[in-house]
């Protein structure tokens, strides 16, 4: 079974933690954070790598938020309200 990891943010820095793990036909986004050091597009993960068409509901099985620091959850409102993701979001407390 092949496991693929797509790093959308925080690959080489602290901030905007966001990784999509694909396995067995499922794609799970782990975290949806923001980088608090920027005020421009560098603040957000590169969501275009998930779906160029913007159809995130069909591209992702779900989102899992690991914990509630801004660099892990701060971009979730942008992803749901502006980008239009309507799929399930699970959060660990």
N, C-alpha and C. Protein backbone atom coordinates (compact mmCIF):
# COMPACT_ATOMS: atom_id res chain seq x y z
N UNK A 1 0.84 -1.17 0.00
CA UNK A 1 0.00 0.00 0.00
C UNK A 1 0.90 1.25 0.00
N UNK A 2 0.58 2.19 -0.84
CA UNK A 2 1.37 3.41 -0.97
C UNK A 2 0.79 4.51 -0.07
N UNK A 3 1.66 5.18 0.65
CA UNK A 3 1.28 6.33 1.46
C UNK A 3 1.95 7.56 0.85
N UNK A 4 1.16 8.58 0.54
CA UNK A 4 1.69 9.82 -0.01
C UNK A 4 1.48 10.96 0.98
N UNK A 5 2.48 11.83 1.10
CA UNK A 5 2.40 13.00 1.96
C UNK A 5 2.59 14.24 1.11
N UNK A 6 1.66 15.17 1.20
CA UNK A 6 1.74 16.44 0.49
C UNK A 6 1.82 17.54 1.53
N UNK A 7 2.97 18.18 1.63
CA UNK A 7 3.18 19.22 2.63
C UNK A 7 2.73 20.55 2.03
N UNK A 8 1.72 21.16 2.64
CA UNK A 8 1.18 22.44 2.16
C UNK A 8 1.71 23.62 2.96
N UNK A 9 2.28 23.35 4.10
CA UNK A 9 2.83 24.41 4.95
C UNK A 9 3.65 23.79 6.06
N UNK A 10 4.55 24.58 6.62
CA UNK A 10 5.41 24.19 7.74
C UNK A 10 6.42 23.11 7.38
N UNK A 11 6.72 22.97 6.11
CA UNK A 11 7.70 21.96 5.71
C UNK A 11 9.10 22.26 6.19
N UNK A 12 9.46 23.55 6.23
CA UNK A 12 10.80 23.93 6.65
C UNK A 12 10.78 25.08 7.65
N UNK A 13 9.64 25.30 8.29
CA UNK A 13 9.52 26.41 9.22
C UNK A 13 8.38 26.13 10.20
N UNK A 14 8.33 26.90 11.27
CA UNK A 14 7.22 26.81 12.21
C UNK A 14 6.13 27.74 11.70
N UNK A 15 4.93 27.25 11.64
CA UNK A 15 3.80 28.06 11.17
C UNK A 15 3.11 27.41 10.00
N UNK A 16 1.83 27.64 9.88
CA UNK A 16 0.91 27.12 8.85
C UNK A 16 1.04 25.61 8.65
N UNK A 17 1.02 24.88 9.74
CA UNK A 17 1.09 23.43 9.67
C UNK A 17 -0.09 22.88 8.88
N UNK A 18 0.21 22.13 7.82
CA UNK A 18 -0.85 21.58 6.98
C UNK A 18 -0.24 20.50 6.08
N UNK A 19 -0.66 19.25 6.28
CA UNK A 19 -0.16 18.12 5.51
C UNK A 19 -1.34 17.26 5.08
N UNK A 20 -1.35 16.85 3.82
CA UNK A 20 -2.37 15.92 3.34
C UNK A 20 -1.73 14.56 3.17
N UNK A 21 -2.27 13.57 3.89
CA UNK A 21 -1.80 12.19 3.82
C UNK A 21 -2.82 11.38 3.03
N UNK A 22 -2.36 10.71 1.98
CA UNK A 22 -3.24 9.88 1.15
C UNK A 22 -2.84 8.42 1.27
N UNK A 23 -3.83 7.59 1.56
CA UNK A 23 -3.61 6.15 1.71
C UNK A 23 -4.92 5.42 1.43
N UNK A 24 -4.86 4.38 0.65
CA UNK A 24 -6.04 3.55 0.40
C UNK A 24 -7.21 4.31 -0.17
N UNK A 25 -6.98 5.28 -1.03
CA UNK A 25 -8.06 6.04 -1.64
C UNK A 25 -8.64 7.15 -0.78
N UNK A 26 -8.09 7.35 0.39
CA UNK A 26 -8.53 8.42 1.30
C UNK A 26 -7.46 9.50 1.37
N UNK A 27 -7.88 10.75 1.44
CA UNK A 27 -6.97 11.88 1.60
C UNK A 27 -7.38 12.66 2.84
N UNK A 28 -6.50 12.70 3.82
CA UNK A 28 -6.79 13.32 5.10
C UNK A 28 -5.86 14.50 5.31
N UNK A 29 -6.45 15.67 5.54
CA UNK A 29 -5.65 16.85 5.85
C UNK A 29 -5.41 16.88 7.35
N UNK A 30 -4.15 16.92 7.74
CA UNK A 30 -3.79 17.04 9.15
C UNK A 30 -3.41 18.48 9.41
N UNK A 31 -4.22 19.14 10.18
CA UNK A 31 -4.06 20.55 10.57
C UNK A 31 -4.33 21.50 9.39
N UNK A 32 -4.64 22.71 9.75
CA UNK A 32 -4.94 23.77 8.78
C UNK A 32 -4.55 25.10 9.43
N UNK A 33 -3.24 25.26 9.60
CA UNK A 33 -2.75 26.39 10.37
C UNK A 33 -2.36 27.60 9.55
N UNK A 34 -2.08 28.69 10.27
CA UNK A 34 -1.62 29.92 9.63
C UNK A 34 -0.24 30.28 10.14
N UNK A 35 0.47 31.05 9.35
CA UNK A 35 1.78 31.57 9.77
C UNK A 35 1.55 32.97 10.30
N UNK A 36 1.76 33.18 11.58
CA UNK A 36 1.43 34.48 12.18
C UNK A 36 2.46 35.55 11.88
N UNK A 37 3.56 35.18 11.21
CA UNK A 37 4.60 36.15 10.90
C UNK A 37 4.38 36.90 9.60
N UNK A 38 3.36 36.51 8.82
CA UNK A 38 3.10 37.14 7.53
C UNK A 38 1.68 37.69 7.47
N UNK A 39 1.48 38.72 6.68
CA UNK A 39 0.14 39.29 6.49
C UNK A 39 -0.33 39.13 5.04
N UNK A 40 0.47 38.50 4.19
CA UNK A 40 0.09 38.30 2.79
C UNK A 40 -0.20 36.82 2.54
N UNK A 41 -0.17 36.38 1.28
CA UNK A 41 -0.52 35.01 0.93
C UNK A 41 0.41 33.96 1.55
N UNK A 42 1.57 34.36 2.02
CA UNK A 42 2.47 33.42 2.70
C UNK A 42 1.90 32.96 4.04
N UNK A 43 0.89 33.63 4.51
CA UNK A 43 0.24 33.25 5.76
C UNK A 43 -0.51 31.93 5.64
N UNK A 44 -0.95 31.60 4.42
CA UNK A 44 -1.84 30.45 4.21
C UNK A 44 -1.10 29.27 3.57
N UNK A 45 -1.52 28.03 3.88
CA UNK A 45 -1.01 26.88 3.15
C UNK A 45 -1.40 26.98 1.67
N UNK A 46 -0.67 26.30 0.82
CA UNK A 46 -0.94 26.35 -0.63
C UNK A 46 -2.02 25.33 -0.98
N UNK A 47 -3.28 25.74 -0.83
CA UNK A 47 -4.40 24.83 -1.06
C UNK A 47 -4.55 24.44 -2.53
N UNK A 48 -3.97 25.19 -3.45
CA UNK A 48 -4.08 24.85 -4.87
C UNK A 48 -3.41 23.51 -5.17
N UNK A 49 -2.50 23.05 -4.31
CA UNK A 49 -1.85 21.76 -4.52
C UNK A 49 -2.80 20.59 -4.26
N UNK A 50 -3.89 20.85 -3.53
CA UNK A 50 -4.89 19.81 -3.27
C UNK A 50 -5.80 19.66 -4.48
N UNK A 51 -6.31 20.79 -4.97
CA UNK A 51 -7.24 20.78 -6.09
C UNK A 51 -7.15 22.12 -6.81
N UNK A 52 -6.71 22.07 -8.05
CA UNK A 52 -6.62 23.31 -8.84
C UNK A 52 -8.00 23.89 -9.12
N UNK A 53 -9.02 23.02 -9.19
CA UNK A 53 -10.37 23.49 -9.48
C UNK A 53 -11.07 24.06 -8.25
N UNK A 54 -10.51 23.82 -7.07
CA UNK A 54 -11.14 24.31 -5.84
C UNK A 54 -12.20 23.37 -5.29
N UNK A 55 -12.30 22.16 -5.85
CA UNK A 55 -13.28 21.19 -5.37
C UNK A 55 -12.68 20.39 -4.21
N UNK A 56 -12.61 21.03 -3.05
CA UNK A 56 -11.96 20.42 -1.90
C UNK A 56 -12.81 19.33 -1.26
N UNK A 57 -14.13 19.40 -1.39
CA UNK A 57 -15.00 18.39 -0.79
C UNK A 57 -14.76 17.02 -1.40
N UNK A 58 -14.50 16.96 -2.70
CA UNK A 58 -14.21 15.67 -3.35
C UNK A 58 -12.74 15.29 -3.25
N UNK A 59 -11.87 16.25 -3.03
CA UNK A 59 -10.43 15.98 -2.95
C UNK A 59 -10.02 15.45 -1.57
N UNK A 60 -10.76 15.83 -0.52
CA UNK A 60 -10.40 15.44 0.85
C UNK A 60 -11.47 14.56 1.47
N UNK A 61 -11.03 13.56 2.21
CA UNK A 61 -11.95 12.71 2.97
C UNK A 61 -12.38 13.42 4.25
N UNK A 62 -11.42 14.08 4.91
CA UNK A 62 -11.72 14.81 6.14
C UNK A 62 -10.51 15.65 6.54
N UNK A 63 -10.70 16.46 7.57
CA UNK A 63 -9.61 17.22 8.18
C UNK A 63 -9.52 16.78 9.64
N UNK A 64 -8.30 16.58 10.11
CA UNK A 64 -8.06 16.28 11.52
C UNK A 64 -7.18 17.40 12.08
N UNK A 65 -7.67 18.07 13.12
CA UNK A 65 -6.91 19.11 13.80
C UNK A 65 -6.28 18.47 15.03
N UNK A 66 -4.95 18.55 15.12
CA UNK A 66 -4.26 17.86 16.21
C UNK A 66 -4.30 18.61 17.52
N UNK A 67 -4.25 19.95 17.47
CA UNK A 67 -4.37 20.76 18.69
C UNK A 67 -4.62 22.21 18.30
N UNK A 68 -4.92 23.04 19.30
CA UNK A 68 -5.49 24.35 19.03
C UNK A 68 -4.51 25.50 19.19
N UNK A 69 -3.35 25.40 18.58
CA UNK A 69 -2.47 26.56 18.45
C UNK A 69 -2.74 27.15 17.07
N UNK A 70 -2.60 28.46 16.93
CA UNK A 70 -2.91 29.12 15.65
C UNK A 70 -2.13 28.54 14.48
N UNK A 71 -0.91 28.10 14.71
CA UNK A 71 -0.13 27.55 13.60
C UNK A 71 -0.64 26.17 13.16
N UNK A 72 -1.63 25.62 13.87
CA UNK A 72 -2.23 24.34 13.49
C UNK A 72 -3.72 24.45 13.13
N UNK A 73 -4.41 25.48 13.59
CA UNK A 73 -5.86 25.58 13.35
C UNK A 73 -6.29 26.95 12.83
N UNK A 74 -5.39 27.92 12.82
CA UNK A 74 -5.76 29.30 12.52
C UNK A 74 -6.32 29.56 11.14
N UNK A 75 -6.06 28.69 10.17
CA UNK A 75 -6.56 28.91 8.81
C UNK A 75 -7.82 28.12 8.50
N UNK A 76 -8.31 27.35 9.47
CA UNK A 76 -9.52 26.56 9.24
C UNK A 76 -10.72 27.42 8.86
N UNK A 77 -10.98 28.56 9.50
CA UNK A 77 -12.11 29.40 9.07
C UNK A 77 -11.96 29.89 7.62
N UNK A 78 -10.76 30.20 7.20
CA UNK A 78 -10.53 30.62 5.81
C UNK A 78 -10.83 29.46 4.86
N UNK A 79 -10.38 28.27 5.22
CA UNK A 79 -10.57 27.11 4.34
C UNK A 79 -12.05 26.73 4.22
N UNK A 80 -12.81 26.86 5.30
CA UNK A 80 -14.23 26.51 5.24
C UNK A 80 -15.08 27.64 4.66
N UNK A 81 -14.83 28.86 5.06
CA UNK A 81 -15.70 29.97 4.66
C UNK A 81 -15.33 30.60 3.31
N UNK A 82 -14.05 30.75 3.03
CA UNK A 82 -13.61 31.38 1.78
C UNK A 82 -13.39 30.34 0.69
N UNK A 83 -12.69 29.26 1.03
CA UNK A 83 -12.42 28.21 0.04
C UNK A 83 -13.61 27.28 -0.17
N UNK A 84 -14.53 27.23 0.79
CA UNK A 84 -15.77 26.48 0.62
C UNK A 84 -15.75 25.02 1.02
N UNK A 85 -14.76 24.58 1.77
CA UNK A 85 -14.75 23.18 2.22
C UNK A 85 -15.92 22.93 3.15
N UNK A 86 -16.69 21.87 2.89
CA UNK A 86 -17.87 21.52 3.70
C UNK A 86 -17.81 20.12 4.27
N UNK A 87 -16.68 19.45 4.13
CA UNK A 87 -16.55 18.07 4.61
C UNK A 87 -16.34 18.00 6.11
N UNK A 88 -16.17 16.79 6.62
CA UNK A 88 -16.01 16.61 8.07
C UNK A 88 -14.68 17.14 8.59
N UNK A 89 -14.75 17.68 9.81
CA UNK A 89 -13.57 18.18 10.52
C UNK A 89 -13.58 17.52 11.90
N UNK A 90 -12.50 16.82 12.23
CA UNK A 90 -12.39 16.17 13.52
C UNK A 90 -11.30 16.88 14.31
N UNK A 91 -11.54 17.02 15.61
CA UNK A 91 -10.59 17.74 16.46
C UNK A 91 -10.27 16.90 17.69
N UNK A 92 -9.02 16.89 18.03
CA UNK A 92 -8.55 16.16 19.20
C UNK A 92 -8.43 17.14 20.34
N UNK A 93 -8.96 16.81 21.50
CA UNK A 93 -8.85 17.73 22.62
C UNK A 93 -7.85 17.27 23.63
